[in-house]
PDB file of N, CA and C in Angstrom:
ATOM      1  N   MET A   1     -95.768 137.276 240.834  1.00  0.00           N
ATOM      2  CA  MET A   1     -96.380 135.991 241.088  1.00  0.00           C
ATOM      3  C   MET A   1     -96.152 135.079 239.868  1.00  0.00           C
ATOM      4  N   THR A   2     -95.792 133.861 240.119  1.00  0.00           N
ATOM      5  CA  THR A   2     -95.525 132.928 239.031  1.00  0.00           C
ATOM      6  C   THR A   2     -96.808 132.236 238.610  1.00  0.00           C
ATOM      7  N   ASN A   3     -96.902 131.964 237.332  1.00  0.00           N
ATOM      8  CA  ASN A   3     -98.045 131.263 236.773  1.00  0.00           C
ATOM      9  C   ASN A   3     -97.735 129.766 236.784  1.00  0.00           C
ATOM     10  N   PRO A   4     -98.524 128.958 237.518  1.00  0.00           N
ATOM     11  CA  PRO A   4     -98.210 127.525 237.593  1.00  0.00           C
ATOM     12  C   PRO A   4     -98.304 126.817 236.241  1.00  0.00           C
ATOM     13  N   LEU A   5     -99.252 127.237 235.408  1.00  0.00           N
ATOM     14  CA  LEU A   5     -99.379 126.613 234.095  1.00  0.00           C
ATOM     15  C   LEU A   5     -98.157 126.899 233.228  1.00  0.00           C
ATOM     16  N   LEU A   6     -97.653 128.118 233.308  1.00  0.00           N
ATOM     17  CA  LEU A   6     -96.447 128.474 232.569  1.00  0.00           C
ATOM     18  C   LEU A   6     -95.249 127.665 233.057  1.00  0.00           C
ATOM     19  N   GLU A   7     -95.164 127.454 234.349  1.00  0.00           N
ATOM     20  CA  GLU A   7     -94.050 126.665 234.897  1.00  0.00           C
ATOM     21  C   GLU A   7     -94.119 125.207 234.457  1.00  0.00           C
ATOM     22  N   VAL A   8     -95.326 124.639 234.370  1.00  0.00           N
ATOM     23  CA  VAL A   8     -95.475 123.253 233.906  1.00  0.00           C
ATOM     24  C   VAL A   8     -95.081 123.160 232.440  1.00  0.00           C
ATOM     25  N   ARG A   9     -95.498 124.150 231.657  1.00  0.00           N
ATOM     26  CA  ARG A   9     -95.130 124.150 230.240  1.00  0.00           C
ATOM     27  C   ARG A   9     -93.628 124.293 230.069  1.00  0.00           C
ATOM     28  N   ARG A  10     -93.013 125.118 230.875  1.00  0.00           N
ATOM     29  CA  ARG A  10     -91.553 125.273 230.798  1.00  0.00           C
ATOM     30  C   ARG A  10     -90.840 123.999 231.266  1.00  0.00           C
ATOM     31  N   ALA A  11     -91.426 123.305 232.217  1.00  0.00           N
ATOM     32  CA  ALA A  11     -90.842 122.027 232.639  1.00  0.00           C
ATOM     33  C   ALA A  11     -90.900 121.013 231.497  1.00  0.00           C
ATOM     34  N   ALA A  12     -91.984 121.024 230.726  1.00  0.00           N
ATOM     35  CA  ALA A  12     -92.071 120.144 229.557  1.00  0.00           C
ATOM     36  C   ALA A  12     -90.998 120.518 228.535  1.00  0.00           C
ATOM     37  N   GLY A  13     -90.758 121.817 228.368  1.00  0.00           N
ATOM     38  CA  GLY A  13     -89.689 122.262 227.484  1.00  0.00           C
ATOM     39  C   GLY A  13     -88.320 121.851 228.002  1.00  0.00           C
ATOM     40  N   GLY A  14     -88.147 121.894 229.315  1.00  0.00           N
ATOM     41  CA  GLY A  14     -86.894 121.446 229.914  1.00  0.00           C
ATOM     42  C   GLY A  14     -86.672 119.962 229.702  1.00  0.00           C
ATOM     43  N   PHE A  15     -87.746 119.185 229.768  1.00  0.00           N
ATOM     44  CA  PHE A  15     -87.636 117.752 229.518  1.00  0.00           C
ATOM     45  C   PHE A  15     -87.265 117.497 228.057  1.00  0.00           C
ATOM     46  N   ALA A  16     -87.823 118.295 227.146  1.00  0.00           N
ATOM     47  CA  ALA A  16     -87.460 118.173 225.729  1.00  0.00           C
ATOM     48  C   ALA A  16     -85.982 118.493 225.530  1.00  0.00           C
ATOM     49  N   LEU A  17     -85.485 119.498 226.247  1.00  0.00           N
ATOM     50  CA  LEU A  17     -84.053 119.819 226.168  1.00  0.00           C
ATOM     51  C   LEU A  17     -83.202 118.685 226.733  1.00  0.00           C
ATOM     52  N   LEU A  18     -83.677 118.058 227.793  1.00  0.00           N
ATOM     53  CA  LEU A  18     -82.957 116.919 228.368  1.00  0.00           C
ATOM     54  C   LEU A  18     -82.854 115.778 227.361  1.00  0.00           C
ATOM     55  N   LEU A  19     -83.958 115.472 226.678  1.00  0.00           N
ATOM     56  CA  LEU A  19     -83.929 114.405 225.678  1.00  0.00           C
ATOM     57  C   LEU A  19     -82.986 114.754 224.527  1.00  0.00           C
ATOM     58  N   SER A  20     -82.955 116.016 224.147  1.00  0.00           N
ATOM     59  CA  SER A  20     -82.027 116.444 223.094  1.00  0.00           C
ATOM     60  C   SER A  20     -80.580 116.298 223.557  1.00  0.00           C
ATOM     61  N   PHE A  21     -80.317 116.600 224.812  1.00  0.00           N
ATOM     62  CA  PHE A  21     -78.969 116.459 225.350  1.00  0.00           C
ATOM     63  C   PHE A  21     -78.537 114.993 225.398  1.00  0.00           C
ATOM     64  N   VAL A  22     -79.454 114.111 225.753  1.00  0.00           N
ATOM     65  CA  VAL A  22     -79.132 112.681 225.771  1.00  0.00           C
ATOM     66  C   VAL A  22     -78.796 112.205 224.357  1.00  0.00           C
ATOM     67  N   TYR A  23     -79.542 112.702 223.382  1.00  0.00           N
ATOM     68  CA  TYR A  23     -79.226 112.361 221.994  1.00  0.00           C
ATOM     69  C   TYR A  23     -77.843 112.886 221.599  1.00  0.00           C
ATOM     70  N   ALA A  24     -77.527 114.090 222.020  1.00  0.00           N
ATOM     71  CA  ALA A  24     -76.210 114.655 221.718  1.00  0.00           C
ATOM     72  C   ALA A  24     -75.106 113.806 222.343  1.00  0.00           C
ATOM     73  N   LEU A  25     -75.340 113.305 223.543  1.00  0.00           N
ATOM     74  CA  LEU A  25     -74.357 112.399 224.164  1.00  0.00           C
ATOM     75  C   LEU A  25     -74.207 111.118 223.356  1.00  0.00           C
ATOM     76  N   GLY A  26     -75.315 110.631 222.808  1.00  0.00           N
ATOM     77  CA  GLY A  26     -75.253 109.451 221.944  1.00  0.00           C
ATOM     78  C   GLY A  26     -74.433 109.707 220.696  1.00  0.00           C
ATOM     79  N   LEU A  27     -74.577 110.905 220.130  1.00  0.00           N
ATOM     80  CA  LEU A  27     -73.765 111.245 218.958  1.00  0.00           C
ATOM     81  C   LEU A  27     -72.285 111.332 219.310  1.00  0.00           C
ATOM     82  N   VAL A  28     -71.977 111.872 220.470  1.00  0.00           N
ATOM     83  CA  VAL A  28     -70.582 111.944 220.909  1.00  0.00           C
ATOM     84  C   VAL A  28     -70.015 110.539 221.089  1.00  0.00           C
ATOM     85  N   SER A  29     -70.817 109.648 221.646  1.00  0.00           N
ATOM     86  CA  SER A  29     -70.339 108.267 221.809  1.00  0.00           C
ATOM     87  C   SER A  29     -70.152 107.584 220.459  1.00  0.00           C
ATOM     88  N   ALA A  30     -70.977 107.939 219.466  1.00  0.00           N
ATOM     89  CA  ALA A  30     -70.786 107.380 218.125  1.00  0.00           C
ATOM     90  C   ALA A  30     -69.487 107.892 217.506  1.00  0.00           C
ATOM     91  N   VAL A  31     -69.174 109.161 217.730  1.00  0.00           N
ATOM     92  CA  VAL A  31     -67.914 109.705 217.224  1.00  0.00           C
ATOM     93  C   VAL A  31     -66.734 109.022 217.907  1.00  0.00           C
ATOM     94  N   ILE A  32     -66.843 108.773 219.180  1.00  0.00           N
ATOM     95  CA  ILE A  32     -65.782 108.055 219.897  1.00  0.00           C
ATOM     96  C   ILE A  32     -65.635 106.638 219.353  1.00  0.00           C
ATOM     97  N   ALA A  33     -66.768 106.004 219.044  1.00  0.00           N
ATOM     98  CA  ALA A  33     -66.709 104.657 218.468  1.00  0.00           C
ATOM     99  C   ALA A  33     -66.030 104.674 217.107  1.00  0.00           C
ATOM    100  N   ILE A  34     -66.259 105.723 216.351  1.00  0.00           N
ATOM    101  CA  ILE A  34     -65.608 105.840 215.045  1.00  0.00           C
ATOM    102  C   ILE A  34     -64.098 105.965 215.225  1.00  0.00           C
ATOM    103  N   THR A  35     -63.677 106.757 216.194  1.00  0.00           N
ATOM    104  CA  THR A  35     -62.238 106.921 216.416  1.00  0.00           C
ATOM    105  C   THR A  35     -61.596 105.659 216.975  1.00  0.00           C
ATOM    106  N   ARG A  36     -62.373 104.812 217.590  1.00  0.00           N
ATOM    107  CA  ARG A  36     -61.859 103.542 218.118  1.00  0.00           C
ATOM    108  C   ARG A  36     -61.935 102.428 217.081  1.00  0.00           C
ATOM    109  N   HIS A  37     -62.266 102.779 215.860  1.00  0.00           N
ATOM    110  CA  HIS A  37     -62.315 101.855 214.735  1.00  0.00           C
ATOM    111  C   HIS A  37     -63.404 100.797 214.869  1.00  0.00           C
ATOM    112  N   VAL A  38     -64.526 101.182 215.433  1.00  0.00           N
ATOM    113  CA  VAL A  38     -65.689 100.299 215.426  1.00  0.00           C
ATOM    114  C   VAL A  38     -66.337 100.440 214.066  1.00  0.00           C
ATOM    115  N   ARG A  39     -66.599  99.350 213.420  1.00  0.00           N
ATOM    116  CA  ARG A  39     -67.102  99.397 212.050  1.00  0.00           C
ATOM    117  C   ARG A  39     -68.620  99.262 212.027  1.00  0.00           C
ATOM    118  N   PHE A  40     -69.242 100.209 211.372  1.00  0.00           N
ATOM    119  CA  PHE A  40     -70.668 100.181 211.065  1.00  0.00           C
ATOM    120  C   PHE A  40     -70.803 100.485 209.577  1.00  0.00           C
ATOM    121  N   PRO A  41     -71.889 100.087 208.974  1.00  0.00           N
ATOM    122  CA  PRO A  41     -72.078 100.496 207.577  1.00  0.00           C
ATOM    123  C   PRO A  41     -72.281 102.015 207.491  1.00  0.00           C
ATOM    124  N   VAL A  42     -71.968 102.566 206.332  1.00  0.00           N
ATOM    125  CA  VAL A  42     -72.101 104.008 206.132  1.00  0.00           C
ATOM    126  C   VAL A  42     -73.552 104.430 206.321  1.00  0.00           C
ATOM    127  N   LEU A  43     -74.474 103.605 205.885  1.00  0.00           N
ATOM    128  CA  LEU A  43     -75.889 103.907 206.068  1.00  0.00           C
ATOM    129  C   LEU A  43     -76.243 103.990 207.557  1.00  0.00           C
ATOM    130  N   GLY A  44     -75.563 103.209 208.367  1.00  0.00           N
ATOM    131  CA  GLY A  44     -75.793 103.257 209.813  1.00  0.00           C
ATOM    132  C   GLY A  44     -75.405 104.582 210.422  1.00  0.00           C
ATOM    133  N   TYR A  45     -74.294 105.140 209.960  1.00  0.00           N
ATOM    134  CA  TYR A  45     -73.880 106.444 210.462  1.00  0.00           C
ATOM    135  C   TYR A  45     -74.867 107.532 210.027  1.00  0.00           C
ATOM    136  N   LEU A  46     -75.361 107.414 208.819  1.00  0.00           N
ATOM    137  CA  LEU A  46     -76.353 108.383 208.357  1.00  0.00           C
ATOM    138  C   LEU A  46     -77.666 108.239 209.121  1.00  0.00           C
ATOM    139  N   MET A  47     -77.988 107.008 209.490  1.00  0.00           N
ATOM    140  CA  MET A  47     -79.210 106.795 210.280  1.00  0.00           C
ATOM    141  C   MET A  47     -79.086 107.415 211.665  1.00  0.00           C
ATOM    142  N   LEU A  48     -77.878 107.476 212.206  1.00  0.00           N
ATOM    143  CA  LEU A  48     -77.688 108.136 213.502  1.00  0.00           C
ATOM    144  C   LEU A  48     -77.990 109.632 213.430  1.00  0.00           C
ATOM    145  N   LEU A  49     -77.806 110.219 212.261  1.00  0.00           N
ATOM    146  CA  LEU A  49     -78.077 111.647 212.097  1.00  0.00           C
ATOM    147  C   LEU A  49     -79.544 111.934 211.796  1.00  0.00           C
ATOM    148  N   LEU A  50     -80.318 110.922 211.483  1.00  0.00           N
ATOM    149  CA  LEU A  50     -81.726 111.114 211.139  1.00  0.00           C
ATOM    150  C   LEU A  50     -82.548 111.769 212.256  1.00  0.00           C
ATOM    151  N   PRO A  51     -82.419 111.367 213.526  1.00  0.00           N
ATOM    152  CA  PRO A  51     -83.184 112.048 214.576  1.00  0.00           C
ATOM    153  C   PRO A  51     -82.804 113.510 214.777  1.00  0.00           C
ATOM    154  N   LEU A  52     -81.659 113.904 214.253  1.00  0.00           N
ATOM    155  CA  LEU A  52     -81.245 115.303 214.360  1.00  0.00           C
ATOM    156  C   LEU A  52     -82.242 116.229 213.671  1.00  0.00           C
ATOM    157  N   VAL A  53     -82.890 115.730 212.624  1.00  0.00           N
ATOM    158  CA  VAL A  53     -83.887 116.509 211.891  1.00  0.00           C
ATOM    159  C   VAL A  53     -85.072 116.855 212.797  1.00  0.00           C
ATOM    160  N   VAL A  54     -85.345 116.035 213.774  1.00  0.00           N
ATOM    161  CA  VAL A  54     -86.471 116.272 214.683  1.00  0.00           C
ATOM    162  C   VAL A  54     -86.014 116.995 215.950  1.00  0.00           C
ATOM    163  N   PHE A  55     -84.809 116.699 216.413  1.00  0.00           N
ATOM    164  CA  PHE A  55     -84.347 117.305 217.665  1.00  0.00           C
ATOM    165  C   PHE A  55     -84.025 118.792 217.526  1.00  0.00           C
ATOM    166  N   VAL A  56     -83.582 119.224 216.363  1.00  0.00           N
ATOM    167  CA  VAL A  56     -83.254 120.648 216.194  1.00  0.00           C
ATOM    168  C   VAL A  56     -84.494 121.531 216.341  1.00  0.00           C
ATOM    169  N   PRO A  57     -85.619 121.253 215.654  1.00  0.00           N
ATOM    170  CA  PRO A  57     -86.810 122.086 215.881  1.00  0.00           C
ATOM    171  C   PRO A  57     -87.353 121.967 217.293  1.00  0.00           C
ATOM    172  N   SER A  58     -87.190 120.803 217.902  1.00  0.00           N
ATOM    173  CA  SER A  58     -87.636 120.630 219.282  1.00  0.00           C
ATOM    174  C   SER A  58     -86.841 121.523 220.224  1.00  0.00           C
ATOM    175  N   THR A  59     -85.540 121.573 220.026  1.00  0.00           N
ATOM    176  CA  THR A  59     -84.700 122.410 220.871  1.00  0.00           C
ATOM    177  C   THR A  59     -84.994 123.893 220.651  1.00  0.00           C
ATOM    178  N   VAL A  60     -85.214 124.271 219.409  1.00  0.00           N
ATOM    179  CA  VAL A  60     -85.546 125.666 219.117  1.00  0.00           C
ATOM    180  C   VAL A  60     -86.860 126.050 219.791  1.00  0.00           C
ATOM    181  N   ALA A  61     -87.863 125.174 219.705  1.00  0.00           N
ATOM    182  CA  ALA A  61     -89.147 125.462 220.345  1.00  0.00           C
ATOM    183  C   ALA A  61     -89.009 125.519 221.862  1.00  0.00           C
ATOM    184  N   ALA A  62     -88.191 124.661 222.440  1.00  0.00           N
ATOM    185  CA  ALA A  62     -88.003 124.668 223.892  1.00  0.00           C
ATOM    186  C   ALA A  62     -87.304 125.937 224.360  1.00  0.00           C
ATOM    187  N   VAL A  63     -86.334 126.403 223.598  1.00  0.00           N
ATOM    188  CA  VAL A  63     -85.647 127.645 223.967  1.00  0.00           C
ATOM    189  C   VAL A  63     -86.598 128.832 223.833  1.00  0.00           C
ATOM    190  N   GLN A  64     -87.385 128.859 222.762  1.00  0.00           N
ATOM    191  CA  GLN A  64     -88.371 129.930 222.608  1.00  0.00           C
ATOM    192  C   GLN A  64     -89.403 129.890 223.729  1.00  0.00           C
ATOM    193  N   LEU A  65     -89.754 128.694 224.168  1.00  0.00           N
ATOM    194  CA  LEU A  65     -90.707 128.544 225.264  1.00  0.00           C
ATOM    195  C   LEU A  65     -90.180 129.171 226.548  1.00  0.00           C
ATOM    196  N   HIS A  66     -88.909 129.019 226.800  1.00  0.00           N
ATOM    197  CA  HIS A  66     -88.325 129.579 228.016  1.00  0.00           C
ATOM    198  C   HIS A  66     -88.124 131.083 227.923  1.00  0.00           C
ATOM    199  N   ARG A  67     -88.184 131.629 226.732  1.00  0.00           N
ATOM    200  CA  ARG A  67     -87.957 133.059 226.565  1.00  0.00           C
ATOM    201  C   ARG A  67     -89.238 133.884 226.503  1.00  0.00           C
ATOM    202  N   THR A  68     -90.390 133.240 226.373  1.00  0.00           N
ATOM    203  CA  THR A  68     -91.633 133.981 226.204  1.00  0.00           C
ATOM    204  C   THR A  68     -92.550 133.841 227.415  1.00  0.00           C
ATOM    205  N   GLU A  69     -93.438 134.792 227.558  1.00  0.00           N
ATOM    206  CA  GLU A  69     -94.426 134.773 228.643  1.00  0.00           C
ATOM    207  C   GLU A  69     -95.847 134.718 228.093  1.00  0.00           C
ATOM    208  N   ASP A  70     -96.000 134.853 226.772  1.00  0.00           N
ATOM    209  CA  ASP A  70     -97.313 134.893 226.138  1.00  0.00           C
ATOM    210  C   ASP A  70     -98.012 133.536 226.279  1.00  0.00           C
ATOM    211  N   PRO A  71     -99.216 133.494 226.876  1.00  0.00           N
ATOM    212  CA  PRO A  71     -99.886 132.205 227.088  1.00  0.00           C
ATOM    213  C   PRO A  71    -100.250 131.489 225.782  1.00  0.00           C
ATOM    214  N   ASP A  72    -100.649 132.235 224.764  1.00  0.00           N
ATOM    215  CA  ASP A  72    -100.999 131.584 223.491  1.00  0.00           C
ATOM    216  C   ASP A  72     -99.765 130.979 222.824  1.00  0.00           C
ATOM    217  N   ARG A  73     -98.686 131.677 222.904  1.00  0.00           N
ATOM    218  CA  ARG A  73     -97.437 131.183 222.302  1.00  0.00           C
ATOM    219  C   ARG A  73     -96.903 129.970 223.066  1.00  0.00           C
ATOM    220  N   THR A  74     -96.962 130.019 224.389  1.00  0.00           N
ATOM    221  CA  THR A  74     -96.466 128.881 225.168  1.00  0.00           C
ATOM    222  C   THR A  74     -97.347 127.646 224.975  1.00  0.00           C
ATOM    223  N   ARG A  75     -98.630 127.871 224.700  1.00  0.00           N
ATOM    224  CA  ARG A  75     -99.542 126.744 224.492  1.00  0.00           C
ATOM    225  C   ARG A  75     -99.117 125.903 223.298  1.00  0.00           C
ATOM    226  N   THR A  76     -98.665 126.546 222.239  1.00  0.00           N
ATOM    227  CA  THR A  76     -98.233 125.792 221.063  1.00  0.00           C
ATOM    228  C   THR A  76     -96.785 125.314 221.180  1.00  0.00           C
ATOM    229  N   LEU A  77     -95.948 126.118 221.826  1.00  0.00           N
ATOM    230  CA  LEU A  77     -94.525 125.766 221.883  1.00  0.00           C
ATOM    231  C   LEU A  77     -94.252 124.547 222.745  1.00  0.00           C
ATOM    232  N   TRP A  78     -94.918 124.401 223.873  1.00  0.00           N
ATOM    233  CA  TRP A  78     -94.598 123.264 224.734  1.00  0.00           C
ATOM    234  C   TRP A  78     -95.016 121.966 224.080  1.00  0.00           C
ATOM    235  N   ARG A  79     -96.143 121.981 223.354  1.00  0.00           N
ATOM    236  CA  ARG A  79     -96.574 120.753 222.659  1.00  0.00           C
ATOM    237  C   ARG A  79     -95.598 120.380 221.552  1.00  0.00           C
ATOM    238  N   ARG A  80     -95.190 121.393 220.782  1.00  0.00           N
ATOM    239  CA  ARG A  80     -94.262 121.136 219.691  1.00  0.00           C
ATOM    240  C   ARG A  80     -92.929 120.619 220.226  1.00  0.00           C
ATOM    241  N   ALA A  81     -92.415 121.259 221.257  1.00  0.00           N
ATOM    242  CA  ALA A  81     -91.113 120.864 221.799  1.00  0.00           C
ATOM    243  C   ALA A  81     -91.156 119.442 222.346  1.00  0.00           C
ATOM    244  N   LEU A  82     -92.165 119.147 223.133  1.00  0.00           N
ATOM    245  CA  LEU A  82     -92.232 117.824 223.762  1.00  0.00           C
ATOM    246  C   LEU A  82     -92.552 116.734 222.754  1.00  0.00           C
ATOM    247  N   LEU A  83     -93.478 116.987 221.847  1.00  0.00           N
ATOM    248  CA  LEU A  83     -93.843 115.976 220.861  1.00  0.00           C
ATOM    249  C   LEU A  83     -92.669 115.652 219.937  1.00  0.00           C
ATOM    250  N   LEU A  84     -91.990 116.677 219.458  1.00  0.00           N
ATOM    251  CA  LEU A  84     -90.842 116.425 218.581  1.00  0.00           C
ATOM    252  C   LEU A  84     -89.712 115.721 219.323  1.00  0.00           C
ATOM    253  N   ALA A  85     -89.510 116.056 220.583  1.00  0.00           N
ATOM    254  CA  ALA A  85     -88.467 115.383 221.361  1.00  0.00           C
ATOM    255  C   ALA A  85     -88.811 113.909 221.572  1.00  0.00           C
ATOM    256  N   LEU A  86     -90.070 113.606 221.806  1.00  0.00           N
ATOM    257  CA  LEU A  86     -90.469 112.207 221.980  1.00  0.00           C
ATOM    258  C   LEU A  86     -90.354 111.430 220.678  1.00  0.00           C
ATOM    259  N   VAL A  87     -90.718 112.061 219.566  1.00  0.00           N
ATOM    260  CA  VAL A  87     -90.563 111.405 218.262  1.00  0.00           C
ATOM    261  C   VAL A  87     -89.080 111.168 217.965  1.00  0.00           C
ATOM    262  N   GLY A  88     -88.244 112.158 218.249  1.00  0.00           N
ATOM    263  CA  GLY A  88     -86.811 111.996 218.037  1.00  0.00           C
ATOM    264  C   GLY A  88     -86.217 110.903 218.907  1.00  0.00           C
ATOM    265  N   THR A  89     -86.686 110.809 220.138  1.00  0.00           N
ATOM    266  CA  THR A  89     -86.204 109.759 221.029  1.00  0.00           C
ATOM    267  C   THR A  89     -86.619 108.381 220.515  1.00  0.00           C
ATOM    268  N   ALA A  90     -87.837 108.267 220.020  1.00  0.00           N
ATOM    269  CA  ALA A  90     -88.285 106.987 219.449  1.00  0.00           C
ATOM    270  C   ALA A  90     -87.462 106.619 218.229  1.00  0.00           C
ATOM    271  N   MET A  91     -87.154 107.617 217.405  1.00  0.00           N
ATOM    272  CA  MET A  91     -86.314 107.351 216.231  1.00  0.00           C
ATOM    273  C   MET A  91     -84.913 106.911 216.651  1.00  0.00           C
ATOM    274  N   TRP A  92     -84.360 107.592 217.648  1.00  0.00           N
ATOM    275  CA  TRP A  92     -83.011 107.275 218.096  1.00  0.00           C
ATOM    276  C   TRP A  92     -82.954 105.872 218.705  1.00  0.00           C
ATOM    277  N   ILE A  93     -83.936 105.522 219.500  1.00  0.00           N
ATOM    278  CA  ILE A  93     -83.973 104.182 220.100  1.00  0.00           C
ATOM    279  C   ILE A  93     -84.111 103.120 219.017  1.00  0.00           C
ATOM    280  N   SER A  94     -84.931 103.379 218.001  1.00  0.00           N
ATOM    281  CA  SER A  94     -85.072 102.397 216.928  1.00  0.00           C
ATOM    282  C   SER A  94     -83.778 102.226 216.144  1.00  0.00           C
ATOM    283  N   VAL A  95     -83.028 103.305 215.938  1.00  0.00           N
ATOM    284  CA  VAL A  95     -81.737 103.198 215.257  1.00  0.00           C
ATOM    285  C   VAL A  95     -80.764 102.372 216.098  1.00  0.00           C
ATOM    286  N   VAL A  96     -80.758 102.584 217.396  1.00  0.00           N
ATOM    287  CA  VAL A  96     -79.877 101.813 218.277  1.00  0.00           C
ATOM    288  C   VAL A  96     -80.261 100.334 218.261  1.00  0.00           C
ATOM    289  N   ILE A  97     -81.548 100.041 218.256  1.00  0.00           N
ATOM    290  CA  ILE A  97     -81.995  98.647 218.200  1.00  0.00           C
ATOM    291  C   ILE A  97     -81.576  98.008 216.881  1.00  0.00           C
ATOM    292  N   ILE A  98     -81.691  98.745 215.790  1.00  0.00           N
ATOM    293  CA  ILE A  98     -81.259  98.216 214.491  1.00  0.00           C
ATOM    294  C   ILE A  98     -79.762  97.933 214.503  1.00  0.00           C
ATOM    295  N   PHE A  99     -78.976  98.835 215.101  1.00  0.00           N
ATOM    296  CA  PHE A  99     -77.540  98.603 215.215  1.00  0.00           C
ATOM    297  C   PHE A  99     -77.242  97.345 216.014  1.00  0.00           C
ATOM    298  N   ARG A 100     -77.925  97.163 217.106  1.00  0.00           N
ATOM    299  CA  ARG A 100     -77.665  95.999 217.960  1.00  0.00           C
ATOM    300  C   ARG A 100     -78.007  94.701 217.258  1.00  0.00           C
ATOM    301  N   ARG A 101     -79.062  94.695 216.462  1.00  0.00           N
ATOM    302  CA  ARG A 101     -79.460  93.464 215.767  1.00  0.00           C
ATOM    303  C   ARG A 101     -78.499  93.110 214.643  1.00  0.00           C
ATOM    304  N   ARG A 102     -77.929  94.111 213.989  1.00  0.00           N
ATOM    305  CA  ARG A 102     -77.038  93.862 212.864  1.00  0.00           C
ATOM    306  C   ARG A 102     -75.599  93.619 213.280  1.00  0.00           C
ATOM    307  N   GLN A 103     -75.276  93.908 214.513  1.00  0.00           N
ATOM    308  CA  GLN A 103     -73.895  93.759 214.983  1.00  0.00           C
ATOM    309  C   GLN A 103     -73.607  92.287 215.262  1.00  0.00           C
ATOM    310  N   PRO A 104     -72.519  91.748 214.719  1.00  0.00           N
ATOM    311  CA  PRO A 104     -72.187  90.336 214.975  1.00  0.00           C
ATOM    312  C   PRO A 104     -71.774  90.145 216.428  1.00  0.00           C
ATOM    313  N   GLN A 105     -72.140  89.023 216.950  1.00  0.00           N
ATOM    314  CA  GLN A 105     -71.848  88.715 218.366  1.00  0.00           C
ATOM    315  C   GLN A 105     -70.452  88.237 218.538  1.00  0.00           C
TER     316      GLN A 105
END
């Protein structure tokens, strides 16, 4: 029998993984932009890597969440995974907004 609470927590972990994947796609598009000779300041490229500091622990927590059945462990892991993924997404969106404002029209 499946535990509905465990499934909801795992769905939150899956959503955190989805947000991490979207960020990874953004990094791939930045690498493509670099190869196409789009110019950004060096600090801008480093700012693109800043959300990586938050997405890596989020992804690790989400993977651990999917591998465990312990209710106490899942209680902490789903919050950590989802909260860090949301913080990373906010950081990534703010970096993109900063890029758009500094880019000449």
